[in-house]
Protein backbone atom coordinates (compact mmCIF):
# COMPACT_ATOMS: atom_id res chain seq x y z
CA MET A 1 0.00 0.00 0.00
CA ALA A 2 1.30 3.43 -0.91
CA THR A 3 1.94 5.80 2.02
CA PRO A 4 3.01 9.46 2.03
CA GLU A 5 6.47 8.40 3.33
CA ASN A 6 6.91 5.90 0.51
CA VAL A 7 5.55 8.19 -2.15
CA TRP A 8 7.10 11.48 -1.10
CA GLY A 9 10.35 9.93 0.21
CA GLY A 10 10.15 11.61 3.63
CA TRP A 11 11.16 15.14 4.72
CA ASN A 12 14.80 16.22 4.09
CA GLU A 13 15.60 19.54 5.77
CA THR A 14 19.19 19.67 4.51
CA GLU A 15 18.04 19.80 0.90
CA ILE A 16 15.83 22.78 1.71
CA ASN A 17 18.71 24.68 3.36
CA ASN A 18 21.00 24.10 0.37
CA LEU A 19 18.56 25.72 -2.05
CA HIS A 20 19.78 29.18 -3.11
CA ALA A 21 17.34 31.61 -4.61
CA HIS A 22 18.35 33.43 -7.75
CA GLN A 23 19.51 36.91 -6.77
CA LYS A 24 18.62 39.86 -8.98
CA THR A 25 21.65 42.11 -9.56
CA ALA A 26 19.72 44.96 -11.13
CA LYS A 27 18.25 47.72 -9.01
CA PRO A 28 14.47 47.50 -9.21
CA ARG A 29 13.91 51.28 -8.79
CA TRP A 30 16.11 52.32 -11.68
CA ASN A 31 14.29 53.43 -14.79
CA ARG A 32 15.24 51.09 -17.60
CA GLY A 33 13.80 53.35 -20.29
CA THR A 34 11.74 52.36 -23.28
CA GLN A 35 12.67 48.97 -24.64
CA PRO A 36 13.00 48.54 -28.42
CA TYR A 37 9.99 46.98 -30.15
CA LYS A 38 10.56 43.36 -31.03
CA ARG A 39 8.66 42.43 -34.13
CA LYS A 40 7.20 38.95 -34.02
CA PRO A 41 6.27 37.30 -37.31
CA TRP A 42 2.74 35.99 -37.79
CA PRO A 43 2.71 32.15 -37.53
CA LYS A 44 2.39 30.24 -40.77
CA GLN A 45 -0.07 27.45 -41.42
CA ARG A 46 2.75 24.90 -41.47
CA ASP A 47 3.86 26.06 -38.00
CA MET A 48 0.36 25.53 -36.61
CA LYS A 49 -0.02 22.05 -38.04
CA TYR A 50 0.17 19.26 -35.49
CA ILE A 51 3.21 16.98 -35.89
CA PRO A 52 2.94 13.55 -34.24
CA GLY A 53 5.74 12.62 -31.82
CA LYS A 54 8.02 9.64 -32.04
CA SER A 55 6.44 8.01 -28.99
CA GLU A 56 3.11 7.65 -30.74
CA SER A 57 3.17 4.20 -32.25
CA ASP A 58 -0.08 4.52 -34.21
CA GLY A 59 0.47 8.12 -35.31
CA GLY A 60 -2.41 9.42 -33.15
CA GLY A 61 -2.93 10.69 -29.63
CA VAL A 62 -2.54 14.06 -27.98
CA ASN A 63 0.55 15.40 -26.15
CA CYS A 64 -0.10 16.70 -22.64
CA TRP A 65 2.07 18.74 -20.24
CA SER A 66 2.89 17.53 -16.75
CA ASP A 67 5.03 18.94 -13.91
CA SER A 68 5.97 15.50 -12.55
CA ASN A 69 9.70 16.19 -13.12
CA GLY A 70 10.14 12.61 -14.28
CA ASP A 71 8.40 11.04 -11.27
CA PRO A 72 6.29 8.06 -12.49
CA ASP A 73 4.12 8.16 -9.32
CA TYR A 74 3.24 11.84 -9.61
CA ASP A 75 -0.29 11.33 -10.96
CA VAL A 76 -0.99 8.65 -8.35
CA ARG A 77 0.09 10.86 -5.41
CA LYS A 78 -2.40 13.53 -6.44
CA LEU A 79 -5.19 11.05 -5.75
CA LEU A 80 -3.97 10.10 -2.21
CA ASP A 81 -4.55 11.78 1.14
CA TRP A 82 -2.05 12.19 4.02
CA ASN A 83 -2.83 8.69 5.29
CA GLY A 84 -2.12 7.08 1.94
CA ASP A 85 -5.79 6.36 1.21
CA TRP A 86 -7.60 7.31 -1.95
CA LEU A 87 -9.21 10.73 -1.93
CA PRO A 88 -13.01 10.87 -2.18
CA ALA A 89 -14.60 11.71 -5.52
CA PRO A 90 -15.18 15.44 -6.18
CA GLU A 91 -18.51 16.63 -4.84
CA SER A 92 -18.80 19.81 -6.89
CA TRP A 93 -18.65 19.91 -10.67
CA SER A 94 -19.07 23.68 -10.96
CA ALA A 95 -15.43 24.21 -11.90
CA ARG A 96 -15.49 21.66 -14.69
CA ARG A 97 -16.02 22.75 -18.27
CA GLY A 98 -19.32 21.97 -19.88
CA HIS A 99 -19.85 19.94 -23.02
CA GLU A 100 -19.22 21.85 -26.23
CA ASP A 101 -20.38 20.59 -29.60
CA ARG A 102 -17.60 21.33 -32.07
CA HIS A 103 -20.02 20.83 -34.96
CA LEU A 104 -22.95 22.76 -33.50
CA GLY A 105 -23.43 24.90 -36.62
CA ALA A 106 -23.47 21.87 -38.91
CA HIS A 107 -25.94 20.04 -36.67
CA VAL A 108 -28.27 23.05 -36.51
CA GLU A 109 -28.13 23.44 -40.29
CA GLN A 110 -28.85 19.72 -40.73
CA TRP A 111 -31.85 20.03 -38.40
CA MET A 112 -33.15 23.06 -40.31
CA ASN A 113 -32.80 21.34 -43.68
CA GLY A 114 -34.88 18.44 -42.42
CA HIS A 115 -37.97 20.64 -42.07
CA SER A 116 -40.32 21.79 -44.79
CA GLN A 117 -40.12 25.28 -46.25
CA GLU A 118 -43.32 26.16 -44.46
CA CYS A 119 -41.47 25.81 -41.14
CA THR A 120 -38.29 27.65 -42.13
CA ARG A 121 -39.46 30.63 -44.14
CA SER A 122 -39.74 33.99 -42.43
CA VAL A 123 -43.18 34.93 -41.11
CA TYR A 124 -44.02 38.38 -39.78
CA TYR A 125 -46.95 39.22 -37.52
CA PRO A 126 -47.68 42.66 -36.03
CA LEU A 127 -47.39 43.14 -32.29
CA SER A 128 -51.16 43.36 -31.89
CA THR A 129 -51.80 40.02 -33.59
CA PHE A 130 -51.73 37.88 -30.44
CA SER A 131 -52.73 40.53 -27.86
CA PRO A 132 -55.48 42.78 -29.26
CA GLU A 133 -56.58 45.74 -27.20
CA ASP A 134 -60.24 44.74 -27.22
CA GLY A 135 -59.88 41.04 -26.50
CA PRO A 136 -57.88 38.31 -24.75
CA CYS A 137 -54.48 37.08 -25.81
CA LYS A 138 -54.63 34.65 -28.74
CA GLU A 139 -52.74 31.47 -29.39
CA LEU A 140 -51.54 30.25 -32.78
CA ALA A 141 -51.61 26.64 -34.01
CA PRO A 142 -50.78 26.01 -37.68
CA ARG A 143 -53.27 23.89 -39.57
CA TYR A 144 -50.63 21.42 -40.71
CA TRP A 145 -50.26 20.29 -37.09
CA LEU A 146 -53.51 18.36 -37.62
CA GLU A 147 -51.61 15.94 -39.87
CA ALA A 148 -49.42 14.76 -36.97
CA LYS A 149 -49.47 11.08 -36.03
CA VAL A 150 -49.43 9.73 -32.48
CA GLU A 151 -48.44 6.06 -32.39
CA GLY A 152 -49.65 5.62 -35.98
CA SER A 153 -53.08 7.21 -35.40
CA ASN A 154 -54.40 10.69 -36.08
CA LEU A 155 -55.03 13.14 -33.26
CA ARG A 156 -58.71 12.34 -32.91
CA GLU A 157 -58.19 8.58 -32.71
CA SER A 158 -55.31 8.93 -30.24
CA TRP A 159 -57.41 11.27 -28.07
CA LYS A 160 -60.19 8.68 -27.96
CA THR A 161 -57.67 6.00 -26.97
CA ILE A 162 -56.21 8.14 -24.19
CA SER A 163 -59.68 9.07 -22.89
CA THR A 164 -60.78 5.43 -22.60
CA SER A 165 -57.49 3.89 -21.43
CA ASP A 166 -56.47 3.04 -17.87
CA PRO A 167 -56.13 4.49 -15.31
CA LYS A 168 -59.63 5.91 -15.25
CA PRO A 169 -60.02 9.59 -14.27
CA LEU A 170 -61.14 10.41 -10.74
CA ASP A 171 -63.88 12.64 -12.11
CA ASP A 172 -65.83 12.16 -15.35
CA THR A 173 -65.22 15.81 -16.27
CA ASP A 174 -61.43 15.67 -15.91
CA ILE A 175 -60.97 15.00 -19.63
CA THR A 176 -64.13 16.48 -21.13
CA ILE A 177 -64.14 19.82 -19.27
CA HIS A 178 -61.42 21.19 -21.55
CA PRO A 179 -61.58 20.14 -25.24
CA PRO A 180 -58.35 19.36 -27.14
CA TRP A 181 -56.61 22.23 -28.86
CA TRP A 182 -57.77 21.27 -32.37
CA GLU A 183 -61.37 21.91 -31.25
CA LEU A 184 -60.56 25.52 -30.21
CA TYR A 185 -60.09 27.08 -33.66
CA GLU A 186 -62.00 30.34 -34.13
CA ASP A 187 -63.30 29.26 -37.54
CA HIS A 188 -62.47 26.85 -40.35
CA ARG A 189 -59.99 29.23 -42.00
CA SER A 190 -58.09 30.89 -39.18
CA CYS A 191 -55.11 29.41 -37.34
CA TYR A 192 -55.97 31.21 -34.06
CA LEU A 193 -57.29 29.31 -31.04
CA ASN A 194 -59.91 30.61 -28.68
CA SER A 195 -58.20 31.52 -25.43
CA LEU A 196 -58.92 29.61 -22.24
CA PRO A 197 -60.54 31.49 -19.36
CA ALA A 198 -57.94 33.03 -17.07
CA PRO A 199 -58.43 34.19 -13.49
CA GLU A 200 -58.62 37.93 -12.98
CA ALA A 201 -56.05 39.26 -10.50
CA ARG A 202 -57.31 41.98 -8.17
CA ILE A 203 -56.21 43.57 -4.91
CA ASP A 204 -58.13 42.46 -1.84
CA PRO A 205 -58.66 45.57 0.35
CA THR A 206 -59.83 43.34 3.23
CA ASP A 207 -56.53 41.43 3.45
CA ALA A 208 -55.31 42.06 7.00
CA GLU A 209 -51.93 40.40 6.50
CA HIS A 210 -51.00 42.63 3.55
CA PRO A 211 -53.11 45.78 3.94
CA THR A 212 -53.18 48.54 1.35
CA THR A 213 -52.33 51.68 3.31
CA HIS A 214 -53.53 54.15 0.71
CA LEU A 215 -56.99 52.62 0.43
CA MET A 216 -57.36 52.20 4.19
CA LEU A 217 -56.45 55.78 5.14
CA ALA A 218 -57.86 57.74 2.20
CA SER A 219 -61.34 59.19 2.29
CA ALA A 220 -64.03 58.36 -0.23
CA ALA A 221 -63.50 61.67 -2.07
CA GLU A 222 -59.76 61.02 -2.36
CA LYS A 223 -60.39 57.51 -3.68
CA LEU A 224 -62.76 58.83 -6.35
CA GLN A 225 -60.30 61.56 -7.31
CA ASP A 226 -57.44 59.07 -7.57
CA LEU A 227 -59.59 56.74 -9.67
CA GLN A 228 -60.55 59.58 -12.02
CA GLN A 229 -56.89 60.59 -12.44
CA ARG A 230 -55.92 57.02 -13.27
CA ARG A 231 -58.64 56.79 -15.90
CA GLU A 232 -57.60 60.08 -17.51
CA ALA A 233 -53.95 59.03 -17.58
CA LYS A 234 -54.87 55.70 -19.14
CA GLU A 235 -56.98 57.46 -21.78
CA ARG A 236 -54.11 59.84 -22.61
CA ARG A 237 -51.70 56.94 -23.02
CA LEU A 238 -54.20 55.14 -25.22
CA LEU A 239 -54.72 58.21 -27.45
CA ALA A 240 -50.98 58.75 -27.74
CA LYS A 241 -50.52 55.14 -28.76
CA ARG A 242 -53.29 55.36 -31.36
CA ASN A 243 -51.98 58.61 -32.88
CA ARG A 244 -48.38 57.52 -33.20
CA PRO A 245 -47.11 57.06 -36.78
CA VAL A 246 -47.21 53.54 -38.11
CA ALA A 247 -43.80 52.24 -39.11
CA ASN A 248 -43.39 50.63 -42.49
CA SER A 249 -43.14 46.88 -42.20
CA MET A 250 -39.93 45.26 -43.40
CA PHE A 251 -41.82 42.06 -44.19
CA PRO A 252 -45.17 42.99 -45.73
CA MET A 253 -47.71 40.18 -45.60
CA GLN A 254 -49.40 39.14 -48.79
CA ALA A 255 -53.16 39.14 -48.80
CA MET A 256 -54.42 35.57 -48.46
CA GLU A 257 -56.94 34.28 -50.93
CA ASP A 258 -60.48 34.07 -49.61
CA ARG A 259 -61.35 30.36 -49.99
CA ARG A 260 -64.66 30.50 -48.21
CA LEU A 261 -67.73 29.07 -49.90
CA ARG A 262 -70.70 31.35 -50.45
CA PRO A 263 -73.97 29.44 -50.71
CA LYS A 264 -76.74 31.37 -52.42
CA THR A 265 -79.37 30.33 -49.92
CA ASN A 266 -79.84 30.73 -46.18
CA MET A 267 -78.93 27.27 -44.91
CA TYR A 268 -76.84 25.40 -42.35
CA ILE A 269 -75.49 21.86 -42.00
CA ARG A 270 -75.97 19.43 -39.13
CA PRO A 271 -75.88 15.64 -38.48
CA VAL A 272 -78.93 13.66 -39.48
CA GLN A 273 -81.80 13.20 -37.01
CA PRO A 274 -84.75 10.75 -36.96
CA ALA A 275 -87.16 13.53 -37.98
CA ASP A 276 -85.28 13.99 -41.29
CA VAL A 277 -86.53 10.72 -42.79
CA VAL A 278 -89.46 12.34 -44.63
CA GLY A 279 -87.38 15.15 -46.14
CA ILE A 280 -84.59 12.79 -47.25
CA GLY A 281 -87.09 10.37 -48.78
CA ALA A 282 -88.78 13.14 -50.78
CA ILE A 283 -85.46 14.23 -52.32
CA TYR A 284 -84.26 10.72 -53.13
CA ASN A 285 -87.57 9.52 -54.61
CA TYR A 286 -87.63 12.52 -56.96
CA TYR A 287 -84.31 11.40 -58.45
CA VAL A 288 -85.61 7.82 -58.65
CA GLU A 289 -88.68 8.80 -60.69
CA HIS A 290 -87.34 11.59 -62.92
CA THR A 291 -83.55 11.12 -63.38
CA ILE A 292 -80.89 8.51 -64.08
CA TYR A 293 -78.83 9.43 -61.00
CA ALA A 294 -80.60 6.83 -58.79
CA THR A 295 -80.39 3.16 -59.72
CA GLU A 296 -83.88 2.11 -58.56
CA PHE A 297 -87.13 2.30 -60.52
CA ASP A 298 -89.39 2.34 -57.43
CA GLY A 299 -89.09 4.91 -54.68
CA ARG A 300 -87.96 4.01 -51.18
CA THR A 301 -90.36 3.86 -48.27
CA GLU A 302 -89.81 5.67 -44.99
CA ASP A 303 -88.81 2.40 -43.31
CA GLN A 304 -86.16 1.80 -45.97
CA ILE A 305 -84.80 5.33 -45.58
CA ARG A 306 -84.76 4.93 -41.79
CA GLN A 307 -82.97 1.58 -42.05
CA ARG A 308 -80.37 3.12 -44.38
CA ILE A 309 -79.72 5.98 -41.93
CA ASN A 310 -79.39 3.56 -39.00
CA THR A 311 -76.88 1.44 -40.95
CA VAL A 312 -74.64 4.44 -41.59
CA THR A 313 -74.86 6.01 -38.13
CA SER A 314 -74.40 2.73 -36.23
CA ALA A 315 -71.17 2.11 -38.18
CA GLY A 316 -69.74 5.43 -36.95
CA LEU A 317 -69.81 6.99 -40.42
CA PRO A 318 -70.97 10.55 -41.23
CA TYR A 319 -74.49 11.32 -42.45
CA LEU A 320 -75.10 15.07 -42.86
CA VAL A 321 -78.10 17.10 -44.01
CA ALA A 322 -78.41 20.67 -45.28
CA VAL A 323 -81.32 22.57 -43.71
CA SER A 324 -82.92 25.71 -45.13
CA LYS A 325 -83.54 28.42 -42.55
CA SER A 326 -87.08 29.79 -42.51
CA ASN A 327 -88.92 32.51 -40.65
CA GLU A 328 -90.68 31.97 -37.36
CA SER A 329 -94.03 30.22 -37.62
CA ARG A 330 -97.11 32.39 -37.08
CA THR A 331 -99.21 29.54 -35.75
CA ASN A 332 -96.48 28.37 -33.33
CA PRO A 333 -94.45 31.40 -32.19
CA GLY A 334 -90.91 30.51 -31.17
CA TYR A 335 -90.65 27.60 -33.61
CA VAL A 336 -89.38 27.38 -37.18
CA THR A 337 -90.05 24.79 -39.85
CA GLU A 338 -86.91 23.03 -41.07
CA LYS A 339 -86.72 21.92 -44.69
CA ILE A 340 -84.14 19.38 -45.83
CA VAL A 341 -82.50 20.69 -49.02
CA GLY A 342 -79.68 18.14 -49.38
CA PHE A 343 -77.90 15.22 -47.74
CA ILE A 344 -74.57 13.39 -47.97
CA SER A 345 -73.34 10.14 -46.41
CA LEU A 346 -70.59 7.52 -46.45
CA ASP A 347 -71.14 3.76 -46.46
CA ASP A 348 -68.85 0.71 -46.61
CA TYR A 349 -67.71 -0.12 -50.13
CA CYS A 350 -67.72 -3.84 -49.34
CA SER A 351 -67.57 -4.88 -45.67
CA GLN A 352 -65.73 -3.88 -42.53
CA ALA A 353 -64.27 -7.40 -42.36
CA SER A 354 -63.00 -7.41 -45.96
CA SER A 355 -59.83 -6.14 -47.62
CA PHE A 356 -61.76 -3.00 -48.67
CA ARG A 357 -62.46 -1.98 -45.06
CA TYR A 358 -60.81 1.43 -45.57
CA THR A 359 -62.76 2.24 -48.76
CA PHE A 360 -66.19 3.89 -48.68
CA GLU A 361 -68.88 5.03 -51.12
CA MET A 362 -70.27 8.56 -50.99
CA GLU A 363 -73.88 9.45 -51.71
CA LEU A 364 -74.85 13.07 -52.42
CA PHE A 365 -78.25 14.48 -53.41
CA VAL A 366 -79.57 18.06 -53.42
CA HIS A 367 -83.20 19.19 -53.49
CA PRO A 368 -84.21 19.87 -57.14
CA GLY A 369 -85.41 23.34 -56.18
CA TYR A 370 -82.06 24.27 -54.61
CA THR A 371 -79.55 23.14 -57.24
CA SER A 372 -76.72 25.43 -58.44
CA LYS A 373 -76.75 27.29 -55.11
CA GLY A 374 -73.52 25.88 -53.64
CA ILE A 375 -75.23 23.45 -51.25
CA GLY A 376 -73.45 20.39 -52.67
CA LYS A 377 -69.99 21.96 -52.24
CA CYS A 378 -70.79 22.87 -48.64
CA LEU A 379 -71.86 19.29 -47.86
CA VAL A 380 -68.75 17.78 -49.48
CA ASP A 381 -66.49 20.33 -47.76
CA ARG A 382 -67.87 19.46 -44.31
CA LEU A 383 -67.71 15.70 -44.93
CA LEU A 384 -64.07 15.82 -46.14
CA GLU A 385 -63.14 17.92 -43.10
CA MET A 386 -64.40 15.04 -40.93
CA ALA A 387 -63.01 12.15 -42.99
CA ASP A 388 -59.61 13.57 -44.03
CA THR A 389 -57.35 15.08 -41.36
CA SER A 390 -55.16 16.67 -44.05
CA TYR A 391 -58.08 18.45 -45.72
CA ARG A 392 -58.39 22.15 -44.97
CA ALA A 393 -62.06 23.09 -44.81
CA ARG A 394 -63.10 26.16 -46.78
CA GLY A 395 -65.97 27.19 -44.51
CA GLY A 396 -68.28 30.07 -45.31
CA TYR A 397 -71.37 28.27 -44.01
CA GLN A 398 -72.77 27.39 -40.60
CA TYR A 399 -72.31 23.96 -39.07
CA VAL A 400 -74.33 23.07 -35.96
CA ASN A 401 -73.97 19.90 -33.88
CA ASN A 402 -75.86 19.84 -30.59
CA PHE A 403 -75.87 16.05 -30.38
CA GLU A 404 -73.39 13.33 -29.40
CA TYR A 405 -73.40 11.84 -32.91
CA LEU A 406 -70.29 13.00 -34.84
CA LYS A 407 -69.22 15.16 -31.89
CA THR A 408 -65.63 13.90 -32.36
CA GLY A 409 -65.91 12.94 -36.03
CA PRO A 410 -66.18 9.48 -37.62
CA SER A 411 -65.05 6.44 -35.65
CA ARG A 412 -63.63 4.62 -38.68
CA VAL A 413 -60.30 5.05 -40.47
CA ILE A 414 -60.99 6.35 -43.99
CA LYS A 415 -58.43 6.02 -46.79
CA THR A 416 -60.42 6.18 -50.05
CA ILE A 417 -63.82 7.72 -50.88
CA LEU A 418 -65.47 6.61 -54.13
CA LEU A 419 -68.32 8.33 -55.96
CA ASN A 420 -70.20 6.90 -58.96
CA VAL A 421 -71.41 9.58 -61.38
CA HIS A 422 -74.15 8.50 -63.82
CA HIS A 423 -74.28 10.24 -67.19
CA GLU A 424 -75.66 9.55 -70.64
CA ASN A 425 -73.59 7.38 -72.94
CA GLY A 426 -71.41 9.48 -75.24
CA GLU A 427 -71.10 12.43 -72.87
CA HIS A 428 -67.87 13.24 -71.06
CA ALA A 429 -68.36 13.79 -67.34
CA GLU A 430 -64.80 15.07 -67.05
CA THR A 431 -65.51 18.20 -69.11
CA GLY A 432 -69.09 18.74 -67.94
CA TRP A 433 -70.40 20.44 -64.82
CA GLN A 434 -70.08 17.23 -62.82
CA GLY A 435 -66.35 16.93 -63.46
CA GLN A 436 -65.74 20.61 -62.68
CA PHE A 437 -67.73 20.30 -59.46
CA LEU A 438 -65.82 17.22 -58.26
CA HIS A 439 -62.40 18.62 -59.22
CA ALA A 440 -63.16 21.67 -57.08
CA CYS A 441 -63.93 19.25 -54.22
CA LYS A 442 -60.55 17.42 -54.56
CA PHE A 443 -61.96 14.38 -56.40
CA HIS A 444 -60.27 12.83 -59.46
CA ARG A 445 -61.65 10.44 -62.05
CA VAL A 446 -60.11 6.98 -61.75
CA GLY A 447 -62.32 4.91 -64.06
CA ARG A 448 -65.21 4.75 -66.51
CA LEU A 449 -67.77 1.99 -67.10
CA PRO A 450 -69.52 2.43 -70.48
CA LYS A 451 -73.04 1.14 -71.18
CA VAL A 452 -73.66 -0.44 -67.79
CA GLY A 453 -77.14 0.99 -67.09
CA TYR A 454 -80.44 1.46 -68.91
CA LYS A 455 -83.21 3.65 -67.55
CA ASN A 456 -85.77 6.15 -68.89
CA ASN A 457 -84.82 5.42 -72.53
CA THR A 458 -81.20 6.32 -71.76
CA VAL A 459 -78.00 4.28 -71.99
CA ILE A 460 -76.00 5.06 -68.85
CA ASP A 461 -72.25 5.28 -68.38
CA VAL A 462 -70.69 5.40 -64.92
CA ALA A 463 -67.65 7.58 -64.18
CA ILE A 464 -65.82 6.66 -60.97
CA TYR A 465 -64.25 9.48 -58.95
CA ALA A 466 -62.02 9.01 -55.90
CA HIS A 467 -60.58 11.08 -53.06
CA HIS A 468 -57.58 9.70 -51.12
CA THR A 469 -56.78 10.84 -47.59
CA ASN A 470 -53.34 11.00 -45.97
CA GLU A 471 -54.00 8.07 -43.65
CA GLU A 472 -51.09 5.59 -43.50
CA ILE A 473 -52.39 2.03 -43.80
CA ASP A 474 -50.35 -1.05 -42.88
CA ALA A 475 -51.11 -3.64 -45.56
CA GLY A 476 -50.05 -6.47 -43.25
CA THR A 477 -52.77 -5.97 -40.63
CA ARG A 478 -55.96 -8.03 -40.51
CA PRO A 479 -59.48 -6.75 -39.85
CA THR A 480 -60.48 -6.44 -36.21
CA VAL A 481 -64.06 -7.44 -37.05
CA ALA A 482 -64.94 -11.00 -37.99
CA GLY A 483 -66.65 -11.44 -41.33
């Protein structure tokens, strides 16, 4: 075991007495005068290049300086105490140098290049964008955040999984009292979120522990006078702020295109209800009797319409109706008569237990007296906003949902939406009004079936249109529902 006597070699007083300090012969108080300037050449690149030493067998390594004076046990003695035991580990790391990334700039640039241009380009917002004077502070959430995936599922599906997973909440309102952030958008076009309620901070004049001396000692007249002065000073500051010159922006914002839909009738959209069976049946039976857009020759009964609605809603798929707003009834004040002017729905293309479980058929019909008024585009826009998380709704219409059905959107994963368009043989649906309408709604023609239908003295062709969502489907998974 190493001891201080063995390591240090003991104390030798004679060696200390024989040491002679170097004596300075010059007088320190004499003025030496100005010394001549010694020019030092700037080092060359070859002088700064590292040259490996002879002791480095592999040509690598780093030379280090040590004051051991040739003692091989010098580094060991620094780790021993006076008793020859090992010193404890350092308790404080404040004097040690932190980690420095020598390639920090390259790593930051690599991280920036991995993002899309939408994340890296410069965006300018005025100071009053997030804190308006007449409202609460706003929060910003880009729309492309809705495309994020959490464990392979979209935000809505992952939120449902978290809400129903263990452990259960202590209170039923712990999760539902505050909706997720994607439900807080101001409208279907803006990226601003409605602010959460915040507590209002005020001074408690009755606080005995921290009393307010001014309010306790002042009279009522002094309090009113002080309040009036504060209001006048605030108004002066506000007027000065309003009248100040507006500085020219270095990054002017381009005016965004108004994508909102503008229906030509007073209507709104909501999920289907049992009372809508009569209105839906009247619209569908008209197309059965007078057009080639419905495949049947005989109209559907109310029971058949009701069974069709129950099939769609029980499968967790969307079924929406467009309702025309009317004036208040004279016979029944306080009530209005709702008129169904259009409906749209999704249904399984084959079966939930088949290989086509992510493919669905869309059905869209508009009241014959309300065609060419933009109702069909509004219905398709709202349905795609529910079915496709990457679709940006255009808005411009009112959507009302006061029921639990479709409160959180469809419960099925939707990858492909198909729509069969019937037209007379020889016509081209791609260049007609039907093709223009579907292209505006993000549908594309994927097929054509000539001469497959015959009705009302007309040979019918079927054009197949499709809309694909951004859902990522694993082709190796099996259906979770038995066929």
